[in-house]
Protein backbone atom coordinates (compact mmCIF):
# COMPACT_ATOMS: atom_id res chain seq x y z
CA MET A 1 10.08 -33.95 67.90
CA SER A 2 9.23 -30.47 66.67
CA ASN A 3 6.80 -28.41 68.73
CA PHE A 4 4.87 -27.89 65.49
CA ILE A 5 4.04 -31.58 64.90
CA GLU A 6 1.11 -33.27 66.56
CA ASP A 7 0.11 -36.90 66.66
CA VAL A 8 -3.27 -37.84 65.20
CA ASN A 9 -5.22 -41.06 65.45
CA ASP A 10 -8.35 -42.80 64.17
CA GLY A 11 -10.41 -40.87 66.72
CA ASN A 12 -9.28 -37.31 65.99
CA PHE A 13 -8.25 -37.54 62.32
CA GLY A 14 -11.50 -36.03 61.07
CA GLN A 15 -11.27 -33.00 63.33
CA SER A 16 -7.51 -32.50 63.08
CA VAL A 17 -7.07 -33.12 59.35
CA LEU A 18 -10.30 -33.29 57.39
CA ARG A 19 -12.01 -30.31 59.05
CA ALA A 20 -8.84 -28.25 59.31
CA ARG A 21 -8.67 -25.03 57.35
CA GLY A 22 -5.75 -24.91 54.98
CA PRO A 23 -3.10 -27.48 54.20
CA VAL A 24 -2.19 -30.38 56.49
CA LEU A 25 0.62 -32.83 55.73
CA VAL A 26 0.07 -36.27 57.28
CA ASP A 27 3.14 -38.45 57.86
CA PHE A 28 2.07 -42.12 57.96
CA TRP A 29 4.83 -43.96 59.82
CA ALA A 30 5.74 -46.81 62.19
CA GLN A 31 8.39 -47.12 64.89
CA TRP A 32 9.96 -50.19 63.24
CA CYS A 33 10.26 -48.50 59.81
CA GLY A 34 13.85 -47.49 59.03
CA PRO A 35 12.94 -45.13 56.16
CA CYS A 36 10.34 -43.50 58.43
CA ARG A 37 13.00 -42.82 61.06
CA ALA A 38 15.33 -41.46 58.35
CA LEU A 39 12.61 -39.12 57.05
CA ALA A 40 11.61 -37.88 60.52
CA PRO A 41 14.30 -35.14 60.83
CA VAL A 42 13.29 -33.77 57.42
CA VAL A 43 9.62 -33.68 58.42
CA GLU A 44 10.50 -32.03 61.74
CA ALA A 45 12.59 -29.34 60.03
CA LEU A 46 9.77 -28.66 57.58
CA ALA A 47 7.27 -28.38 60.43
CA ASP A 48 9.42 -25.64 61.94
CA GLN A 49 9.93 -23.96 58.56
CA TYR A 50 6.23 -23.97 57.60
CA ALA A 51 4.82 -23.18 61.05
CA GLY A 52 1.80 -20.96 60.69
CA THR A 53 1.22 -21.76 57.03
CA LEU A 54 0.91 -25.54 56.97
CA ARG A 55 0.29 -28.08 59.72
CA ILE A 56 2.20 -31.34 59.90
CA VAL A 57 0.82 -34.31 61.80
CA LYS A 58 2.01 -37.89 62.29
CA LEU A 59 -0.13 -41.02 62.27
CA ASN A 60 1.28 -44.32 63.52
CA VAL A 61 0.01 -46.97 61.09
CA ASP A 62 0.23 -49.78 63.64
CA ASP A 63 -2.06 -48.02 66.09
CA ASN A 64 -4.59 -46.56 63.62
CA PRO A 65 -5.78 -49.17 61.13
CA ALA A 66 -9.05 -47.43 60.21
CA ILE A 67 -7.39 -44.36 58.69
CA VAL A 68 -4.69 -46.49 57.06
CA GLN A 69 -7.36 -48.60 55.39
CA ARG A 70 -9.54 -45.62 54.47
CA TYR A 71 -6.68 -43.94 52.59
CA ARG A 72 -5.25 -47.22 51.27
CA VAL A 73 -1.79 -46.65 52.69
CA GLN A 74 0.10 -49.75 51.61
CA ALA A 75 3.70 -48.64 52.11
CA ILE A 76 5.45 -46.39 54.57
CA PRO A 77 6.59 -43.77 54.88
CA THR A 78 3.69 -42.15 53.05
CA LEU A 79 3.07 -38.42 53.15
CA ILE A 80 -0.39 -37.19 52.17
CA LEU A 81 -1.09 -33.49 51.82
CA PHE A 82 -4.69 -32.50 52.51
CA ARG A 83 -6.17 -29.09 51.85
CA ASP A 84 -9.58 -28.26 53.26
CA GLY A 85 -10.26 -31.96 53.84
CA GLU A 86 -9.30 -33.19 50.35
CA GLU A 87 -6.24 -35.21 49.43
CA LYS A 88 -4.09 -33.12 47.09
CA GLU A 89 -0.69 -34.84 46.99
CA ARG A 90 0.72 -38.25 47.95
CA MET A 91 4.38 -39.18 48.30
CA ILE A 92 5.28 -42.79 48.96
CA GLY A 93 8.64 -43.94 50.24
CA MET A 94 11.73 -42.01 51.22
CA SER A 95 10.95 -38.70 49.53
CA LYS A 96 13.62 -36.09 49.09
CA ARG A 97 13.25 -32.84 50.95
CA GLU A 98 13.06 -30.91 47.67
CA ALA A 99 10.14 -33.02 46.42
CA ILE A 100 8.24 -32.51 49.66
CA VAL A 101 8.88 -28.76 49.54
CA ARG A 102 7.64 -28.59 45.92
CA ALA A 103 4.44 -30.40 46.86
CA MET A 104 3.86 -28.20 49.90
CA ASP A 105 4.68 -24.99 48.05
CA SER A 106 2.13 -25.82 45.37
CA HIS A 107 -0.52 -25.58 48.11
CA VAL A 108 0.84 -22.85 50.39
CA GLY A 109 3.00 -20.83 48.02
CA ALA A 110 6.74 -20.33 48.23
CA GLU A 111 6.19 -16.83 49.63
CA ALA A 112 4.66 -18.36 52.78
CA ARG A 113 8.04 -19.79 53.82
């Protein structure tokens, strides 16, 4: 896993995501999810690429039901981009790298990469 990705959970989600300054991309995933495993290298590469401008965190849906329920995550993988504690973008399913980049760039700016 990238050095720029951290795991979050029900206990630290508020501090790590909702109270974070700037954009945070949350990857909702599960170990048993094939599409989640296929998306993981893309998310890891983006974490390296956007280091310093956007944080990327992972939340295991099996271990963190409170956050999953709160944000009504019904399918995985789901990527939710938060900025200053507010949900700004949601991508459900096996998103293409280009779509993720477009969503992130709309909140950090292409010049930040």
